[in-house]
Protein backbone atom coordinates (compact mmCIF):
# COMPACT_ATOMS: atom_id res chain seq x y z
CA UNK A 1 0.00 0.00 0.00
CA UNK A 2 1.18 3.48 -0.87
CA UNK A 3 1.46 5.94 2.01
CA UNK A 4 0.78 9.57 1.44
CA UNK A 5 3.12 12.18 2.90
CA UNK A 6 1.33 14.96 4.78
CA UNK A 7 0.88 18.03 2.62
CA UNK A 8 2.13 21.49 3.52
CA UNK A 9 -1.47 22.61 3.82
CA UNK A 10 -2.14 19.91 6.40
CA UNK A 11 0.87 20.98 8.43
CA UNK A 12 -0.29 24.57 8.36
CA UNK A 13 -3.76 23.59 9.45
CA UNK A 14 -2.43 21.71 12.43
CA UNK A 15 -0.37 24.74 13.41
CA UNK A 16 3.02 23.10 13.71
CA UNK A 17 5.34 25.14 15.91
CA UNK A 18 2.54 27.15 17.48
CA UNK A 19 1.25 26.69 21.02
CA UNK A 20 -2.06 24.85 21.13
CA UNK A 21 -5.10 26.57 22.66
CA UNK A 22 -4.90 24.09 25.51
CA UNK A 23 -1.30 25.18 26.15
CA UNK A 24 -2.29 28.84 26.30
CA UNK A 25 -5.13 28.05 28.68
CA UNK A 26 -2.81 26.07 30.93
CA UNK A 27 -0.24 28.86 31.02
CA UNK A 28 -2.92 31.43 31.75
CA UNK A 29 -4.20 29.30 34.63
CA UNK A 30 -0.70 28.93 36.08
CA UNK A 31 -0.17 32.68 35.73
CA UNK A 32 -3.42 33.42 37.55
CA UNK A 33 -2.43 31.09 40.39
CA UNK A 34 1.01 32.72 40.67
CA UNK A 35 -0.52 36.22 40.67
CA UNK A 36 -2.88 35.23 43.49
CA UNK A 37 -0.03 33.75 45.53
CA UNK A 38 2.12 36.88 45.17
CA UNK A 39 -0.80 39.15 46.03
CA UNK A 40 -1.59 37.12 49.15
CA UNK A 41 2.06 37.35 50.23
CA UNK A 42 1.88 41.15 50.45
CA UNK A 43 -0.02 41.21 53.77
CA UNK A 44 1.10 37.83 55.09
CA UNK A 45 3.78 37.40 57.79
CA UNK A 46 7.28 36.87 56.42
CA UNK A 47 9.00 35.51 59.51
CA UNK A 48 8.04 34.38 62.99
CA UNK A 49 10.19 33.79 66.05
CA UNK A 50 9.05 32.30 69.33
CA UNK A 51 11.06 32.96 72.50
CA UNK A 52 10.81 30.28 75.17
CA UNK A 53 11.97 30.83 78.75
CA UNK A 54 11.04 29.44 82.18
CA UNK A 55 9.17 32.63 83.04
CA UNK A 56 7.30 32.53 79.70
CA UNK A 57 6.04 28.93 79.32
CA UNK A 58 3.63 29.94 76.55
CA UNK A 59 6.41 31.67 74.63
CA UNK A 60 6.70 35.19 73.24
CA UNK A 61 6.24 35.68 69.53
CA UNK A 62 7.62 38.31 67.17
CA UNK A 63 5.97 38.38 63.74
CA UNK A 64 7.70 40.28 60.93
CA UNK A 65 5.64 41.59 58.02
CA UNK A 66 6.83 43.46 54.98
CA UNK A 67 5.96 46.82 56.54
CA UNK A 68 5.63 46.25 60.28
CA UNK A 69 6.51 44.07 63.27
CA UNK A 70 3.75 42.48 65.36
CA UNK A 71 3.26 40.07 68.22
CA UNK A 72 4.77 40.41 71.69
CA UNK A 73 7.15 43.15 70.61
CA UNK A 74 7.00 45.14 73.85
CA UNK A 75 7.81 42.14 76.05
CA UNK A 76 10.63 40.93 73.80
CA UNK A 77 12.11 44.44 73.58
CA UNK A 78 12.13 44.59 77.39
CA UNK A 79 14.06 41.32 77.52
CA UNK A 80 16.43 42.58 74.84
CA UNK A 81 17.14 45.67 76.96
CA UNK A 82 17.86 43.38 79.92
CA UNK A 83 20.67 41.61 78.04
CA UNK A 84 21.93 44.61 76.05
CA UNK A 85 20.13 44.11 72.73
CA UNK A 86 18.37 47.00 71.05
CA UNK A 87 14.56 47.12 70.77
CA UNK A 88 12.72 46.33 67.55
CA UNK A 89 12.19 49.56 65.61
CA UNK A 90 10.61 49.15 62.20
CA UNK A 91 11.57 52.72 61.28
CA UNK A 92 15.23 51.71 61.53
CA UNK A 93 14.79 49.29 58.61
CA UNK A 94 14.80 51.33 55.38
CA UNK A 95 14.13 48.20 53.31
CA UNK A 96 10.52 48.06 54.52
CA UNK A 97 9.79 50.96 52.15
CA UNK A 98 10.78 48.66 49.29
CA UNK A 99 8.26 45.95 50.16
CA UNK A 100 5.39 47.43 48.16
CA UNK A 101 7.50 48.07 45.03
CA UNK A 102 9.01 44.59 45.36
CA UNK A 103 5.57 42.97 45.30
CA UNK A 104 4.59 45.08 42.29
CA UNK A 105 7.78 43.98 40.54
CA UNK A 106 7.00 40.35 41.40
CA UNK A 107 3.50 40.70 39.92
CA UNK A 108 5.03 42.16 36.76
CA UNK A 109 7.54 39.30 36.68
CA UNK A 110 4.67 36.81 36.62
CA UNK A 111 3.32 38.49 33.49
CA UNK A 112 6.74 38.59 31.84
CA UNK A 113 7.28 34.92 32.65
CA UNK A 114 4.03 33.92 30.98
CA UNK A 115 4.40 36.14 27.91
CA UNK A 116 8.01 35.18 27.14
CA UNK A 117 7.88 31.66 28.62
CA UNK A 118 11.14 29.88 27.61
CA UNK A 119 12.88 32.93 26.17
CA UNK A 120 15.44 34.73 28.28
CA UNK A 121 13.11 37.49 29.63
CA UNK A 122 10.78 34.79 30.96
CA UNK A 123 13.65 32.90 32.55
CA UNK A 124 15.01 36.06 34.16
CA UNK A 125 11.54 36.83 35.50
CA UNK A 126 11.34 33.40 37.15
CA UNK A 127 14.81 33.86 38.63
CA UNK A 128 13.63 37.16 40.10
CA UNK A 129 10.61 35.43 41.65
CA UNK A 130 12.92 32.91 43.33
CA UNK A 131 15.21 35.73 44.47
CA UNK A 132 12.46 37.65 46.29
CA UNK A 133 11.78 35.15 49.13
CA UNK A 134 15.47 34.24 49.32
CA UNK A 135 16.29 37.94 49.60
CA UNK A 136 13.71 38.38 52.36
CA UNK A 137 15.30 35.61 54.42
CA UNK A 138 18.81 36.92 53.72
CA UNK A 139 17.80 40.43 54.82
CA UNK A 140 16.24 39.14 58.04
CA UNK A 141 19.36 37.07 58.73
CA UNK A 142 21.50 40.18 58.28
CA UNK A 143 19.30 42.15 60.67
CA UNK A 144 19.52 39.34 63.23
CA UNK A 145 23.30 39.37 62.92
CA UNK A 146 23.32 43.12 63.59
CA UNK A 147 20.98 42.63 66.58
CA UNK A 148 23.31 40.04 68.06
CA UNK A 149 26.52 41.99 67.49
CA UNK A 150 25.54 45.66 67.92
CA UNK A 151 25.05 45.32 71.67
CA UNK A 152 24.54 48.15 74.14
CA UNK A 153 27.43 48.53 76.57
CA UNK A 154 26.72 51.98 78.03
CA UNK A 155 24.84 51.94 80.27
CA UNK A 156 25.91 48.44 81.17
CA UNK A 157 23.00 45.98 80.84
CA UNK A 158 21.88 43.90 83.80
CA UNK A 159 23.10 40.71 82.11
CA UNK A 160 25.63 41.52 79.38
CA UNK A 161 26.10 39.07 76.53
CA UNK A 162 28.94 38.19 74.22
CA UNK A 163 28.14 38.94 70.56
CA UNK A 164 26.19 36.11 68.92
CA UNK A 165 24.21 35.37 65.76
CA UNK A 166 20.51 34.44 65.99
CA UNK A 167 19.46 32.16 63.14
CA UNK A 168 16.71 33.06 60.68
CA UNK A 169 15.58 29.41 60.61
CA UNK A 170 15.83 27.02 63.52
CA UNK A 171 16.64 27.35 67.22
CA UNK A 172 19.08 29.76 68.86
CA UNK A 173 19.88 29.31 72.54
CA UNK A 174 21.15 32.21 74.67
CA UNK A 175 21.45 31.81 78.44
CA UNK A 176 18.18 30.21 79.54
CA UNK A 177 16.28 31.49 76.49
CA UNK A 178 15.59 29.46 73.35
CA UNK A 179 14.41 31.27 70.25
CA UNK A 180 12.84 29.21 67.46
CA UNK A 181 12.50 30.92 64.07
CA UNK A 182 10.56 29.81 60.99
CA UNK A 183 9.73 31.42 57.63
CA UNK A 184 6.30 33.01 57.55
CA UNK A 185 3.38 32.30 55.26
CA UNK A 186 4.34 35.19 52.97
CA UNK A 187 7.74 33.69 52.16
CA UNK A 188 6.17 30.29 51.53
CA UNK A 189 3.59 31.86 49.20
CA UNK A 190 6.36 33.56 47.21
CA UNK A 191 8.28 30.30 46.93
CA UNK A 192 5.07 28.61 45.80
CA UNK A 193 4.50 31.24 43.09
CA UNK A 194 8.03 30.75 41.76
CA UNK A 195 7.60 26.96 41.82
CA UNK A 196 4.25 27.11 39.99
CA UNK A 197 5.79 29.06 37.11
CA UNK A 198 9.05 27.08 37.06
CA UNK A 199 7.71 23.55 37.39
CA UNK A 200 3.96 23.83 36.77
CA UNK A 201 3.99 23.13 32.99
CA UNK A 202 6.33 20.17 33.36
CA UNK A 203 4.38 18.89 36.34
CA UNK A 204 1.15 18.97 34.32
CA UNK A 205 2.77 17.03 31.47
CA UNK A 206 4.24 14.55 33.92
CA UNK A 207 0.87 13.96 35.56
CA UNK A 208 -0.75 13.37 32.18
CA UNK A 209 1.94 10.86 31.25
CA UNK A 210 1.56 9.15 34.61
CA UNK A 211 -2.19 8.89 34.09
CA UNK A 212 -1.65 7.37 30.64
CA UNK A 213 0.90 4.93 32.03
CA UNK A 214 -1.50 3.83 34.77
CA UNK A 215 -4.19 3.20 32.14
CA UNK A 216 -1.96 0.70 30.34
CA UNK A 217 -2.01 -3.06 31.04
CA UNK A 218 0.55 -4.28 33.55
CA UNK A 219 2.62 -5.98 30.83
CA UNK A 220 2.77 -2.82 28.77
CA UNK A 221 3.91 -0.82 31.82
CA UNK A 222 6.87 -3.17 32.20
CA UNK A 223 7.78 -2.62 28.54
CA UNK A 224 6.69 -6.12 27.46
CA UNK A 225 4.95 -6.03 24.09
CA UNK A 226 2.31 -8.52 23.00
CA UNK A 227 4.60 -9.98 20.35
CA UNK A 228 7.53 -10.54 22.74
C-alpha atoms as a PDB file:
ATOM      1  CA  UNK A   1       0.000   0.000   0.000  1.00  0.00           C
ATOM      2  CA  UNK A   2       1.177   3.485  -0.871  1.00  0.00           C
ATOM      3  CA  UNK A   3       1.461   5.937   2.014  1.00  0.00           C
ATOM      4  CA  UNK A   4       0.775   9.574   1.438  1.00  0.00           C
ATOM      5  CA  UNK A   5       3.116  12.183   2.901  1.00  0.00           C
ATOM      6  CA  UNK A   6       1.335  14.962   4.775  1.00  0.00           C
ATOM      7  CA  UNK A   7       0.882  18.030   2.620  1.00  0.00           C
ATOM      8  CA  UNK A   8       2.126  21.485   3.515  1.00  0.00           C
ATOM      9  CA  UNK A   9      -1.474  22.608   3.825  1.00  0.00           C
ATOM     10  CA  UNK A  10      -2.138  19.908   6.403  1.00  0.00           C
ATOM     11  CA  UNK A  11       0.870  20.978   8.429  1.00  0.00           C
ATOM     12  CA  UNK A  12      -0.292  24.572   8.364  1.00  0.00           C
ATOM     13  CA  UNK A  13      -3.762  23.595   9.445  1.00  0.00           C
ATOM     14  CA  UNK A  14      -2.430  21.712  12.426  1.00  0.00           C
ATOM     15  CA  UNK A  15      -0.374  24.741  13.405  1.00  0.00           C
ATOM     16  CA  UNK A  16       3.020  23.102  13.708  1.00  0.00           C
ATOM     17  CA  UNK A  17       5.340  25.135  15.912  1.00  0.00           C
ATOM     18  CA  UNK A  18       2.542  27.154  17.478  1.00  0.00           C
ATOM     19  CA  UNK A  19       1.245  26.686  21.024  1.00  0.00           C
ATOM     20  CA  UNK A  20      -2.056  24.847  21.130  1.00  0.00           C
ATOM     21  CA  UNK A  21      -5.100  26.572  22.656  1.00  0.00           C
ATOM     22  CA  UNK A  22      -4.898  24.094  25.509  1.00  0.00           C
ATOM     23  CA  UNK A  23      -1.295  25.175  26.152  1.00  0.00           C
ATOM     24  CA  UNK A  24      -2.289  28.844  26.298  1.00  0.00           C
ATOM     25  CA  UNK A  25      -5.133  28.052  28.677  1.00  0.00           C
ATOM     26  CA  UNK A  26      -2.812  26.070  30.929  1.00  0.00           C
ATOM     27  CA  UNK A  27      -0.238  28.857  31.021  1.00  0.00           C
ATOM     28  CA  UNK A  28      -2.918  31.434  31.754  1.00  0.00           C
ATOM     29  CA  UNK A  29      -4.200  29.304  34.633  1.00  0.00           C
ATOM     30  CA  UNK A  30      -0.701  28.935  36.085  1.00  0.00           C
ATOM     31  CA  UNK A  31      -0.166  32.679  35.735  1.00  0.00           C
ATOM     32  CA  UNK A  32      -3.420  33.416  37.551  1.00  0.00           C
ATOM     33  CA  UNK A  33      -2.432  31.087  40.392  1.00  0.00           C
ATOM     34  CA  UNK A  34       1.006  32.722  40.670  1.00  0.00           C
ATOM     35  CA  UNK A  35      -0.523  36.219  40.669  1.00  0.00           C
ATOM     36  CA  UNK A  36      -2.877  35.234  43.486  1.00  0.00           C
ATOM     37  CA  UNK A  37      -0.027  33.745  45.530  1.00  0.00           C
ATOM     38  CA  UNK A  38       2.125  36.880  45.166  1.00  0.00           C
ATOM     39  CA  UNK A  39      -0.802  39.152  46.027  1.00  0.00           C
ATOM     40  CA  UNK A  40      -1.591  37.122  49.155  1.00  0.00           C
ATOM     41  CA  UNK A  41       2.061  37.346  50.233  1.00  0.00           C
ATOM     42  CA  UNK A  42       1.881  41.145  50.446  1.00  0.00           C
ATOM     43  CA  UNK A  43      -0.023  41.210  53.769  1.00  0.00           C
ATOM     44  CA  UNK A  44       1.105  37.833  55.088  1.00  0.00           C
ATOM     45  CA  UNK A  45       3.784  37.400  57.787  1.00  0.00           C
ATOM     46  CA  UNK A  46       7.281  36.868  56.423  1.00  0.00           C
ATOM     47  CA  UNK A  47       9.001  35.509  59.510  1.00  0.00           C
ATOM     48  CA  UNK A  48       8.045  34.380  62.993  1.00  0.00           C
ATOM     49  CA  UNK A  49      10.191  33.790  66.046  1.00  0.00           C
ATOM     50  CA  UNK A  50       9.051  32.303  69.331  1.00  0.00           C
ATOM     51  CA  UNK A  51      11.056  32.957  72.497  1.00  0.00           C
ATOM     52  CA  UNK A  52      10.812  30.283  75.175  1.00  0.00           C
ATOM     53  CA  UNK A  53      11.971  30.826  78.748  1.00  0.00           C
ATOM     54  CA  UNK A  54      11.036  29.437  82.179  1.00  0.00           C
ATOM     55  CA  UNK A  55       9.168  32.633  83.038  1.00  0.00           C
ATOM     56  CA  UNK A  56       7.300  32.525  79.699  1.00  0.00           C
ATOM     57  CA  UNK A  57       6.042  28.933  79.325  1.00  0.00           C
ATOM     58  CA  UNK A  58       3.633  29.939  76.550  1.00  0.00           C
ATOM     59  CA  UNK A  59       6.412  31.669  74.630  1.00  0.00           C
ATOM     60  CA  UNK A  60       6.704  35.194  73.243  1.00  0.00           C
ATOM     61  CA  UNK A  61       6.238  35.685  69.528  1.00  0.00           C
ATOM     62  CA  UNK A  62       7.616  38.306  67.171  1.00  0.00           C
ATOM     63  CA  UNK A  63       5.972  38.379  63.740  1.00  0.00           C
ATOM     64  CA  UNK A  64       7.696  40.282  60.934  1.00  0.00           C
ATOM     65  CA  UNK A  65       5.635  41.588  58.019  1.00  0.00           C
ATOM     66  CA  UNK A  66       6.833  43.461  54.980  1.00  0.00           C
ATOM     67  CA  UNK A  67       5.956  46.822  56.537  1.00  0.00           C
ATOM     68  CA  UNK A  68       5.634  46.245  60.282  1.00  0.00           C
ATOM     69  CA  UNK A  69       6.506  44.068  63.274  1.00  0.00           C
ATOM     70  CA  UNK A  70       3.748  42.485  65.362  1.00  0.00           C
ATOM     71  CA  UNK A  71       3.263  40.072  68.221  1.00  0.00           C
ATOM     72  CA  UNK A  72       4.768  40.407  71.695  1.00  0.00           C
ATOM     73  CA  UNK A  73       7.155  43.149  70.607  1.00  0.00           C
ATOM     74  CA  UNK A  74       7.000  45.136  73.850  1.00  0.00           C
ATOM     75  CA  UNK A  75       7.810  42.140  76.046  1.00  0.00           C
ATOM     76  CA  UNK A  76      10.628  40.930  73.802  1.00  0.00           C
ATOM     77  CA  UNK A  77      12.111  44.435  73.577  1.00  0.00           C
ATOM     78  CA  UNK A  78      12.129  44.592  77.390  1.00  0.00           C
ATOM     79  CA  UNK A  79      14.059  41.320  77.521  1.00  0.00           C
ATOM     80  CA  UNK A  80      16.435  42.582  74.841  1.00  0.00           C
ATOM     81  CA  UNK A  81      17.142  45.667  76.955  1.00  0.00           C
ATOM     82  CA  UNK A  82      17.859  43.381  79.919  1.00  0.00           C
ATOM     83  CA  UNK A  83      20.666  41.615  78.039  1.00  0.00           C
ATOM     84  CA  UNK A  84      21.933  44.613  76.048  1.00  0.00           C
ATOM     85  CA  UNK A  85      20.134  44.114  72.729  1.00  0.00           C
ATOM     86  CA  UNK A  86      18.367  47.003  71.052  1.00  0.00           C
ATOM     87  CA  UNK A  87      14.558  47.116  70.766  1.00  0.00           C
ATOM     88  CA  UNK A  88      12.717  46.331  67.548  1.00  0.00           C
ATOM     89  CA  UNK A  89      12.194  49.556  65.611  1.00  0.00           C
ATOM     90  CA  UNK A  90      10.612  49.148  62.196  1.00  0.00           C
ATOM     91  CA  UNK A  91      11.567  52.724  61.277  1.00  0.00           C
ATOM     92  CA  UNK A  92      15.226  51.714  61.528  1.00  0.00           C
ATOM     93  CA  UNK A  93      14.789  49.288  58.614  1.00  0.00           C
ATOM     94  CA  UNK A  94      14.801  51.329  55.376  1.00  0.00           C
ATOM     95  CA  UNK A  95      14.132  48.197  53.315  1.00  0.00           C
ATOM     96  CA  UNK A  96      10.519  48.058  54.521  1.00  0.00           C
ATOM     97  CA  UNK A  97       9.791  50.957  52.151  1.00  0.00           C
ATOM     98  CA  UNK A  98      10.777  48.663  49.289  1.00  0.00           C
ATOM     99  CA  UNK A  99       8.261  45.945  50.155  1.00  0.00           C
ATOM    100  CA  UNK A 100       5.392  47.425  48.156  1.00  0.00           C
ATOM    101  CA  UNK A 101       7.500  48.073  45.030  1.00  0.00           C
ATOM    102  CA  UNK A 102       9.011  44.592  45.362  1.00  0.00           C
ATOM    103  CA  UNK A 103       5.573  42.971  45.304  1.00  0.00           C
ATOM    104  CA  UNK A 104       4.585  45.083  42.292  1.00  0.00           C
ATOM    105  CA  UNK A 105       7.777  43.981  40.537  1.00  0.00           C
ATOM    106  CA  UNK A 106       6.996  40.354  41.404  1.00  0.00           C
ATOM    107  CA  UNK A 107       3.496  40.700  39.924  1.00  0.00           C
ATOM    108  CA  UNK A 108       5.025  42.164  36.763  1.00  0.00           C
ATOM    109  CA  UNK A 109       7.539  39.302  36.677  1.00  0.00           C
ATOM    110  CA  UNK A 110       4.672  36.807  36.621  1.00  0.00           C
ATOM    111  CA  UNK A 111       3.322  38.486  33.493  1.00  0.00           C
ATOM    112  CA  UNK A 112       6.744  38.594  31.837  1.00  0.00           C
ATOM    113  CA  UNK A 113       7.284  34.925  32.650  1.00  0.00           C
ATOM    114  CA  UNK A 114       4.028  33.922  30.980  1.00  0.00           C
ATOM    115  CA  UNK A 115       4.405  36.144  27.911  1.00  0.00           C
ATOM    116  CA  UNK A 116       8.008  35.178  27.140  1.00  0.00           C
ATOM    117  CA  UNK A 117       7.881  31.660  28.618  1.00  0.00           C
ATOM    118  CA  UNK A 118      11.135  29.878  27.611  1.00  0.00           C
ATOM    119  CA  UNK A 119      12.876  32.929  26.175  1.00  0.00           C
ATOM    120  CA  UNK A 120      15.441  34.729  28.283  1.00  0.00           C
ATOM    121  CA  UNK A 121      13.112  37.490  29.626  1.00  0.00           C
ATOM    122  CA  UNK A 122      10.782  34.793  30.964  1.00  0.00           C
ATOM    123  CA  UNK A 123      13.651  32.897  32.551  1.00  0.00           C
ATOM    124  CA  UNK A 124      15.015  36.061  34.161  1.00  0.00           C
ATOM    125  CA  UNK A 125      11.541  36.826  35.497  1.00  0.00           C
ATOM    126  CA  UNK A 126      11.337  33.404  37.147  1.00  0.00           C
ATOM    127  CA  UNK A 127      14.808  33.864  38.627  1.00  0.00           C
ATOM    128  CA  UNK A 128      13.632  37.162  40.098  1.00  0.00           C
ATOM    129  CA  UNK A 129      10.612  35.432  41.652  1.00  0.00           C
ATOM    130  CA  UNK A 130      12.917  32.915  43.331  1.00  0.00           C
ATOM    131  CA  UNK A 131      15.215  35.734  44.474  1.00  0.00           C
ATOM    132  CA  UNK A 132      12.457  37.650  46.286  1.00  0.00           C
ATOM    133  CA  UNK A 133      11.781  35.146  49.128  1.00  0.00           C
ATOM    134  CA  UNK A 134      15.466  34.239  49.322  1.00  0.00           C
ATOM    135  CA  UNK A 135      16.293  37.941  49.599  1.00  0.00           C
ATOM    136  CA  UNK A 136      13.712  38.378  52.363  1.00  0.00           C
ATOM    137  CA  UNK A 137      15.299  35.606  54.422  1.00  0.00           C
ATOM    138  CA  UNK A 138      18.808  36.917  53.718  1.00  0.00           C
ATOM    139  CA  UNK A 139      17.801  40.428  54.818  1.00  0.00           C
ATOM    140  CA  UNK A 140      16.237  39.137  58.042  1.00  0.00           C
ATOM    141  CA  UNK A 141      19.360  37.068  58.733  1.00  0.00           C
ATOM    142  CA  UNK A 142      21.501  40.183  58.283  1.00  0.00           C
ATOM    143  CA  UNK A 143      19.300  42.150  60.671  1.00  0.00           C
ATOM    144  CA  UNK A 144      19.518  39.344  63.232  1.00  0.00           C
ATOM    145  CA  UNK A 145      23.298  39.369  62.916  1.00  0.00           C
ATOM    146  CA  UNK A 146      23.319  43.115  63.591  1.00  0.00           C
ATOM    147  CA  UNK A 147      20.983  42.635  66.576  1.00  0.00           C
ATOM    148  CA  UNK A 148      23.310  40.044  68.059  1.00  0.00           C
ATOM    149  CA  UNK A 149      26.522  41.995  67.494  1.00  0.00           C
ATOM    150  CA  UNK A 150      25.539  45.655  67.917  1.00  0.00           C
ATOM    151  CA  UNK A 151      25.050  45.322  71.673  1.00  0.00           C
ATOM    152  CA  UNK A 152      24.538  48.151  74.139  1.00  0.00           C
ATOM    153  CA  UNK A 153      27.433  48.534  76.573  1.00  0.00           C
ATOM    154  CA  UNK A 154      26.716  51.978  78.025  1.00  0.00           C
ATOM    155  CA  UNK A 155      24.841  51.941  80.266  1.00  0.00           C
ATOM    156  CA  UNK A 156      25.908  48.443  81.167  1.00  0.00           C
ATOM    157  CA  UNK A 157      22.999  45.981  80.844  1.00  0.00           C
ATOM    158  CA  UNK A 158      21.877  43.898  83.802  1.00  0.00           C
ATOM    159  CA  UNK A 159      23.099  40.710  82.108  1.00  0.00           C
ATOM    160  CA  UNK A 160      25.633  41.518  79.382  1.00  0.00           C
ATOM    161  CA  UNK A 161      26.098  39.070  76.528  1.00  0.00           C
ATOM    162  CA  UNK A 162      28.939  38.194  74.219  1.00  0.00           C
ATOM    163  CA  UNK A 163      28.143  38.941  70.561  1.00  0.00           C
ATOM    164  CA  UNK A 164      26.190  36.111  68.917  1.00  0.00           C
ATOM    165  CA  UNK A 165      24.206  35.372  65.761  1.00  0.00           C
ATOM    166  CA  UNK A 166      20.510  34.444  65.989  1.00  0.00           C
ATOM    167  CA  UNK A 167      19.458  32.163  63.137  1.00  0.00           C
ATOM    168  CA  UNK A 168      16.710  33.061  60.683  1.00  0.00           C
ATOM    169  CA  UNK A 169      15.585  29.409  60.607  1.00  0.00           C
ATOM    170  CA  UNK A 170      15.827  27.018  63.524  1.00  0.00           C
ATOM    171  CA  UNK A 171      16.640  27.347  67.216  1.00  0.00           C
ATOM    172  CA  UNK A 172      19.083  29.756  68.859  1.00  0.00           C
ATOM    173  CA  UNK A 173      19.884  29.306  72.535  1.00  0.00           C
ATOM    174  CA  UNK A 174      21.152  32.213  74.667  1.00  0.00           C
ATOM    175  CA  UNK A 175      21.455  31.806  78.438  1.00  0.00           C
ATOM    176  CA  UNK A 176      18.175  30.205  79.538  1.00  0.00           C
ATOM    177  CA  UNK A 177      16.279  31.488  76.489  1.00  0.00           C
ATOM    178  CA  UNK A 178      15.594  29.463  73.351  1.00  0.00           C
ATOM    179  CA  UNK A 179      14.414  31.268  70.254  1.00  0.00           C
ATOM    180  CA  UNK A 180      12.842  29.212  67.456  1.00  0.00           C
ATOM    181  CA  UNK A 181      12.499  30.915  64.074  1.00  0.00           C
ATOM    182  CA  UNK A 182      10.557  29.808  60.987  1.00  0.00           C
ATOM    183  CA  UNK A 183       9.729  31.416  57.635  1.00  0.00           C
ATOM    184  CA  UNK A 184       6.300  33.008  57.551  1.00  0.00           C
ATOM    185  CA  UNK A 185       3.382  32.300  55.255  1.00  0.00           C
ATOM    186  CA  UNK A 186       4.340  35.193  52.965  1.00  0.00           C
ATOM    187  CA  UNK A 187       7.743  33.695  52.162  1.00  0.00           C
ATOM    188  CA  UNK A 188       6.167  30.289  51.528  1.00  0.00           C
ATOM    189  CA  UNK A 189       3.591  31.864  49.200  1.00  0.00           C
ATOM    190  CA  UNK A 190       6.359  33.563  47.209  1.00  0.00           C
ATOM    191  CA  UNK A 191       8.284  30.296  46.931  1.00  0.00           C
ATOM    192  CA  UNK A 192       5.069  28.606  45.798  1.00  0.00           C
ATOM    193  CA  UNK A 193       4.500  31.237  43.091  1.00  0.00           C
ATOM    194  CA  UNK A 194       8.030  30.748  41.757  1.00  0.00           C
ATOM    195  CA  UNK A 195       7.598  26.964  41.825  1.00  0.00           C
ATOM    196  CA  UNK A 196       4.255  27.108  39.991  1.00  0.00           C
ATOM    197  CA  UNK A 197       5.793  29.062  37.113  1.00  0.00           C
ATOM    198  CA  UNK A 198       9.053  27.084  37.062  1.00  0.00           C
ATOM    199  CA  UNK A 199       7.712  23.549  37.393  1.00  0.00           C
ATOM    200  CA  UNK A 200       3.964  23.832  36.767  1.00  0.00           C
ATOM    201  CA  UNK A 201       3.988  23.134  32.994  1.00  0.00           C
ATOM    202  CA  UNK A 202       6.330  20.172  33.357  1.00  0.00           C
ATOM    203  CA  UNK A 203       4.376  18.891  36.335  1.00  0.00           C
ATOM    204  CA  UNK A 204       1.152  18.966  34.324  1.00  0.00           C
ATOM    205  CA  UNK A 205       2.770  17.030  31.472  1.00  0.00           C
ATOM    206  CA  UNK A 206       4.240  14.552  33.919  1.00  0.00           C
ATOM    207  CA  UNK A 207       0.874  13.960  35.565  1.00  0.00           C
ATOM    208  CA  UNK A 208      -0.754  13.374  32.177  1.00  0.00           C
ATOM    209  CA  UNK A 209       1.943  10.861  31.252  1.00  0.00           C
ATOM    210  CA  UNK A 210       1.562   9.148  34.608  1.00  0.00           C
ATOM    211  CA  UNK A 211      -2.194   8.892  34.089  1.00  0.00           C
ATOM    212  CA  UNK A 212      -1.646   7.369  30.641  1.00  0.00           C
ATOM    213  CA  UNK A 213       0.902   4.927  32.033  1.00  0.00           C
ATOM    214  CA  UNK A 214      -1.498   3.833  34.769  1.00  0.00           C
ATOM    215  CA  UNK A 215      -4.191   3.203  32.144  1.00  0.00           C
ATOM    216  CA  UNK A 216      -1.955   0.697  30.336  1.00  0.00           C
ATOM    217  CA  UNK A 217      -2.012  -3.056  31.038  1.00  0.00           C
ATOM    218  CA  UNK A 218       0.551  -4.285  33.545  1.00  0.00           C
ATOM    219  CA  UNK A 219       2.618  -5.980  30.829  1.00  0.00           C
ATOM    220  CA  UNK A 220       2.770  -2.822  28.765  1.00  0.00           C
ATOM    221  CA  UNK A 221       3.912  -0.824  31.818  1.00  0.00           C
ATOM    222  CA  UNK A 222       6.875  -3.166  32.196  1.00  0.00           C
ATOM    223  CA  UNK A 223       7.779  -2.625  28.542  1.00  0.00           C
ATOM    224  CA  UNK A 224       6.694  -6.115  27.461  1.00  0.00           C
ATOM    225  CA  UNK A 225       4.954  -6.034  24.091  1.00  0.00           C
ATOM    226  CA  UNK A 226       2.314  -8.522  23.003  1.00  0.00           C
ATOM    227  CA  UNK A 227       4.604  -9.976  20.352  1.00  0.00           C
ATOM    228  CA  UNK A 228       7.531 -10.539  22.743  1.00  0.00           C
END
